[in-house]
Every structure is written in C-alpha cells, then in structure tokens.
N, C-alpha and C. Protein backbone atom coordinates (compact mmCIF):
# COMPACT_ATOMS: atom_id res chain seq x y z
N MET A 1 10.47 13.85 1.35
CA MET A 1 9.22 13.20 0.95
C MET A 1 8.02 13.92 1.63
N ARG A 2 7.08 14.33 0.71
CA ARG A 2 5.85 15.05 1.18
C ARG A 2 4.65 14.07 1.30
N VAL A 3 4.02 14.19 2.44
CA VAL A 3 2.84 13.43 2.66
C VAL A 3 1.57 14.17 1.88
N VAL A 4 1.08 13.49 0.91
CA VAL A 4 0.01 14.02 0.03
C VAL A 4 -1.30 13.87 0.85
N ALA A 5 -1.52 12.60 1.37
CA ALA A 5 -2.70 12.30 2.06
C ALA A 5 -2.63 11.06 2.92
N ASP A 6 -3.37 11.04 4.01
CA ASP A 6 -3.67 9.89 4.87
C ASP A 6 -5.08 9.45 4.53
N ILE A 7 -5.16 8.26 3.94
CA ILE A 7 -6.49 7.83 3.48
C ILE A 7 -7.08 6.85 4.49
N PRO A 8 -8.32 7.35 4.95
CA PRO A 8 -8.87 6.44 5.90
C PRO A 8 -9.41 5.18 5.26
N ASN A 9 -9.17 4.00 5.97
CA ASN A 9 -9.65 2.72 5.59
C ASN A 9 -9.73 1.81 6.71
N PRO A 10 -10.82 1.02 6.91
CA PRO A 10 -10.95 0.15 8.06
C PRO A 10 -9.95 -0.94 8.18
N HIS A 11 -9.49 -1.35 6.94
CA HIS A 11 -8.71 -2.51 6.94
C HIS A 11 -7.16 -2.37 6.94
N VAL A 12 -6.70 -1.27 6.39
CA VAL A 12 -5.16 -0.98 6.27
C VAL A 12 -5.01 0.50 6.47
N LYS A 13 -3.70 0.82 6.91
CA LYS A 13 -3.37 2.24 6.92
C LYS A 13 -2.86 2.57 5.57
N ILE A 14 -3.29 3.71 5.01
CA ILE A 14 -2.92 4.04 3.66
C ILE A 14 -2.35 5.62 3.70
N THR A 15 -1.10 5.63 3.15
CA THR A 15 -0.50 7.02 3.09
C THR A 15 -0.03 7.16 1.64
N LEU A 16 -0.34 8.26 1.11
CA LEU A 16 0.30 8.64 -0.25
C LEU A 16 1.31 9.78 -0.13
N HIS A 17 2.48 9.48 -0.63
CA HIS A 17 3.56 10.45 -0.54
C HIS A 17 3.87 10.91 -1.95
N SER A 18 4.55 12.00 -2.01
CA SER A 18 5.18 12.52 -3.32
C SER A 18 6.61 12.68 -3.06
N TYR A 19 7.46 12.15 -4.10
CA TYR A 19 8.87 12.26 -3.93
C TYR A 19 9.56 12.06 -5.20
N ASN A 20 10.40 13.06 -5.57
CA ASN A 20 11.24 12.89 -6.76
C ASN A 20 10.56 12.39 -7.95
N GLY A 21 9.38 13.03 -8.24
CA GLY A 21 8.76 12.70 -9.46
C GLY A 21 7.90 11.49 -9.46
N LYS A 22 7.72 10.91 -8.21
CA LYS A 22 6.96 9.71 -8.06
C LYS A 22 5.94 9.81 -6.88
N TYR A 23 4.81 9.29 -7.03
CA TYR A 23 3.96 8.98 -5.94
C TYR A 23 4.40 7.71 -5.26
N ILE A 24 4.40 7.67 -3.98
CA ILE A 24 4.66 6.44 -3.23
C ILE A 24 3.43 6.09 -2.46
N LEU A 25 2.77 5.10 -2.68
CA LEU A 25 1.65 4.58 -2.08
C LEU A 25 2.01 3.48 -1.01
N LYS A 26 1.90 3.82 0.24
CA LYS A 26 2.28 2.95 1.30
C LYS A 26 1.08 2.47 2.05
N LEU A 27 0.94 1.06 2.05
CA LEU A 27 -0.20 0.38 2.77
C LEU A 27 0.35 -0.48 3.82
N GLU A 28 -0.18 -0.29 5.06
CA GLU A 28 0.39 -1.06 6.20
C GLU A 28 -0.75 -1.79 6.98
N LYS A 29 -0.41 -2.93 7.42
CA LYS A 29 -1.29 -3.70 8.31
C LYS A 29 -0.36 -4.60 9.29
N ALA A 30 -0.62 -4.12 10.54
CA ALA A 30 0.23 -4.76 11.62
C ALA A 30 1.72 -4.54 11.30
N ASN A 31 2.50 -5.53 11.25
CA ASN A 31 3.92 -5.37 11.00
C ASN A 31 4.35 -5.66 9.53
N LEU A 32 3.40 -5.49 8.64
CA LEU A 32 3.67 -5.68 7.24
C LEU A 32 3.28 -4.46 6.50
N GLU A 33 4.04 -4.31 5.27
CA GLU A 33 3.67 -3.11 4.50
C GLU A 33 3.86 -3.49 3.00
N GLN A 34 3.20 -2.76 2.16
CA GLN A 34 3.21 -2.85 0.81
C GLN A 34 3.46 -1.47 0.26
N ILE A 35 4.49 -1.36 -0.61
CA ILE A 35 4.77 -0.04 -1.26
C ILE A 35 4.63 -0.07 -2.79
N TYR A 36 3.92 0.85 -3.37
CA TYR A 36 3.74 0.97 -4.79
C TYR A 36 4.36 2.31 -5.21
N LYS A 37 5.28 2.26 -6.29
CA LYS A 37 5.79 3.58 -6.69
C LYS A 37 5.19 3.82 -8.08
N ILE A 38 4.69 4.97 -8.25
CA ILE A 38 3.92 5.34 -9.47
C ILE A 38 4.58 6.63 -10.03
N GLU A 39 5.02 6.63 -11.25
CA GLU A 39 5.50 7.82 -11.91
C GLU A 39 4.38 8.86 -11.96
N GLU A 40 4.71 10.15 -11.60
CA GLU A 40 3.76 11.19 -11.55
C GLU A 40 3.11 11.29 -13.08
N THR A 41 3.84 11.04 -14.00
CA THR A 41 3.31 11.14 -15.40
C THR A 41 2.26 10.05 -15.74
N GLU A 42 2.21 9.03 -14.93
CA GLU A 42 1.18 7.97 -15.21
C GLU A 42 -0.11 8.20 -14.71
N VAL A 43 -0.29 9.31 -13.79
CA VAL A 43 -1.60 9.55 -13.29
C VAL A 43 -1.83 11.12 -13.37
N ASN A 44 -3.05 11.51 -13.23
CA ASN A 44 -3.37 12.93 -13.38
C ASN A 44 -3.40 13.55 -12.04
N GLY A 45 -2.25 13.90 -11.47
CA GLY A 45 -2.16 14.67 -10.21
C GLY A 45 -2.46 13.83 -9.04
N ASP A 46 -2.54 14.48 -7.88
CA ASP A 46 -2.90 13.85 -6.65
C ASP A 46 -4.26 13.01 -6.75
N GLU A 47 -5.19 13.61 -7.40
CA GLU A 47 -6.46 13.02 -7.53
C GLU A 47 -6.50 11.66 -8.35
N GLY A 48 -5.58 11.74 -9.35
CA GLY A 48 -5.40 10.48 -10.12
C GLY A 48 -4.79 9.48 -9.40
N ALA A 49 -3.84 9.72 -8.58
CA ALA A 49 -3.19 8.71 -7.67
C ALA A 49 -4.22 8.19 -6.69
N LEU A 50 -4.94 9.04 -6.11
CA LEU A 50 -5.93 8.54 -5.14
C LEU A 50 -7.03 7.70 -5.81
N ALA A 51 -7.31 7.97 -7.03
CA ALA A 51 -8.36 7.27 -7.82
C ALA A 51 -7.95 5.80 -7.97
N LEU A 52 -6.69 5.53 -7.86
CA LEU A 52 -6.21 4.07 -7.99
C LEU A 52 -6.66 3.29 -6.82
N LEU A 53 -7.03 3.82 -5.67
CA LEU A 53 -7.46 3.16 -4.60
C LEU A 53 -8.98 2.67 -4.57
N ASP A 54 -9.29 1.94 -5.57
CA ASP A 54 -10.70 1.53 -5.76
C ASP A 54 -10.79 0.27 -4.81
N ASP A 55 -12.09 -0.17 -4.68
CA ASP A 55 -12.46 -1.33 -3.86
C ASP A 55 -11.70 -2.57 -4.27
N GLU A 56 -11.63 -2.85 -5.52
CA GLU A 56 -10.97 -4.06 -6.14
C GLU A 56 -9.48 -4.13 -5.77
N PHE A 57 -8.81 -2.93 -5.84
CA PHE A 57 -7.37 -2.76 -5.48
C PHE A 57 -7.25 -2.99 -3.97
N ILE A 58 -8.02 -2.44 -3.13
CA ILE A 58 -8.01 -2.58 -1.71
C ILE A 58 -8.18 -4.07 -1.32
N GLU A 59 -9.12 -4.67 -1.94
CA GLU A 59 -9.37 -6.15 -1.67
C GLU A 59 -8.17 -6.90 -2.01
N ALA A 60 -7.51 -6.65 -3.16
CA ALA A 60 -6.28 -7.39 -3.51
C ALA A 60 -5.17 -7.15 -2.49
N VAL A 61 -5.00 -6.00 -2.04
CA VAL A 61 -4.04 -5.59 -1.15
C VAL A 61 -4.29 -6.33 0.19
N VAL A 62 -5.50 -6.41 0.74
CA VAL A 62 -5.78 -7.08 1.92
C VAL A 62 -5.60 -8.56 1.83
N ASN A 63 -5.92 -9.13 0.71
CA ASN A 63 -5.62 -10.54 0.43
C ASN A 63 -4.13 -10.84 0.38
N ARG A 64 -3.42 -9.98 -0.15
CA ARG A 64 -1.85 -10.05 -0.23
C ARG A 64 -1.26 -10.05 1.20
N PHE A 65 -1.84 -9.14 2.12
CA PHE A 65 -1.46 -9.12 3.40
C PHE A 65 -1.70 -10.48 4.10
N VAL A 66 -2.75 -11.00 3.88
CA VAL A 66 -3.10 -12.40 4.39
C VAL A 66 -1.96 -13.38 3.91
N ASP A 67 -1.71 -13.39 2.63
CA ASP A 67 -0.71 -14.33 2.16
C ASP A 67 0.69 -14.02 2.77
N MET A 68 1.09 -12.74 2.83
CA MET A 68 2.24 -12.29 3.52
C MET A 68 2.42 -12.87 4.90
N ARG A 69 1.37 -12.61 5.66
CA ARG A 69 1.30 -13.04 7.09
C ARG A 69 1.40 -14.64 7.13
N ASP A 70 0.66 -15.34 6.31
CA ASP A 70 0.74 -16.85 6.30
C ASP A 70 2.24 -17.36 6.00
N ALA A 71 2.86 -16.71 5.00
CA ALA A 71 4.17 -17.01 4.52
C ALA A 71 5.12 -16.91 5.74
N PHE A 72 5.00 -15.78 6.45
CA PHE A 72 5.86 -15.53 7.56
C PHE A 72 5.66 -16.44 8.65
N VAL A 73 4.41 -16.73 9.08
CA VAL A 73 4.07 -17.55 10.14
C VAL A 73 4.66 -19.00 9.84
N SER A 74 4.45 -19.38 8.57
CA SER A 74 4.94 -20.69 8.20
C SER A 74 6.48 -20.80 8.32
N THR A 75 7.30 -19.78 7.87
CA THR A 75 8.74 -19.88 7.89
C THR A 75 9.14 -19.79 9.41
N VAL A 76 8.52 -19.10 10.19
CA VAL A 76 8.79 -19.08 11.61
C VAL A 76 8.66 -20.40 12.24
N ARG A 77 7.59 -21.00 11.94
CA ARG A 77 7.25 -22.33 12.54
C ARG A 77 8.26 -23.47 12.01
N ARG A 78 8.73 -23.35 10.81
CA ARG A 78 9.69 -24.31 10.17
C ARG A 78 11.03 -24.05 10.75
N ASN A 79 11.36 -22.88 11.11
CA ASN A 79 12.85 -22.50 11.35
C ASN A 79 12.94 -22.13 12.89
N SER A 80 11.99 -22.47 13.69
CA SER A 80 12.21 -22.09 15.15
C SER A 80 12.50 -23.32 15.95
C-alpha cells in the first residue's frame, strides 16, 4: 500500500493510500477510524481523490465520529 498523501486537517487525521486499483481514504480521530475505498476509475487521479475532501464531506465525517463515540460510550455504560 502506497501513501499518496497525508492531508492536514485540524479535526481529523487524513491519509490517502493507493492499493490494488483503489484509493483508500483513512480518517482517524482518537481511537476511531473511518475508511472509504474508491475505485481509481471513479476519480481523476490523485488530485481527483483529494478533491473529494471538501468542507461538506469533512463536516459529515466529524459528525459521524461524534455519533460513533456516543454509541460506544453508551454500550460501555450499559454493559459495564
């Protein structure tokens, strides 16, 4: 797996990889991560994959991290 780019962002760690005909977009916050697999044919090269990281997408990702954390905290409380 080749690292294409580490994308700076104040809210999440973003890494774009290339592997086996796919871009793998990995977003991390604390102990949570989201991974998106994108066929290379769906975007126009590395720049096309990076263009997917617009403000609206990042906002949705951050909101999803909040939901993920809340769900995990809830299950820990219920089952501890």
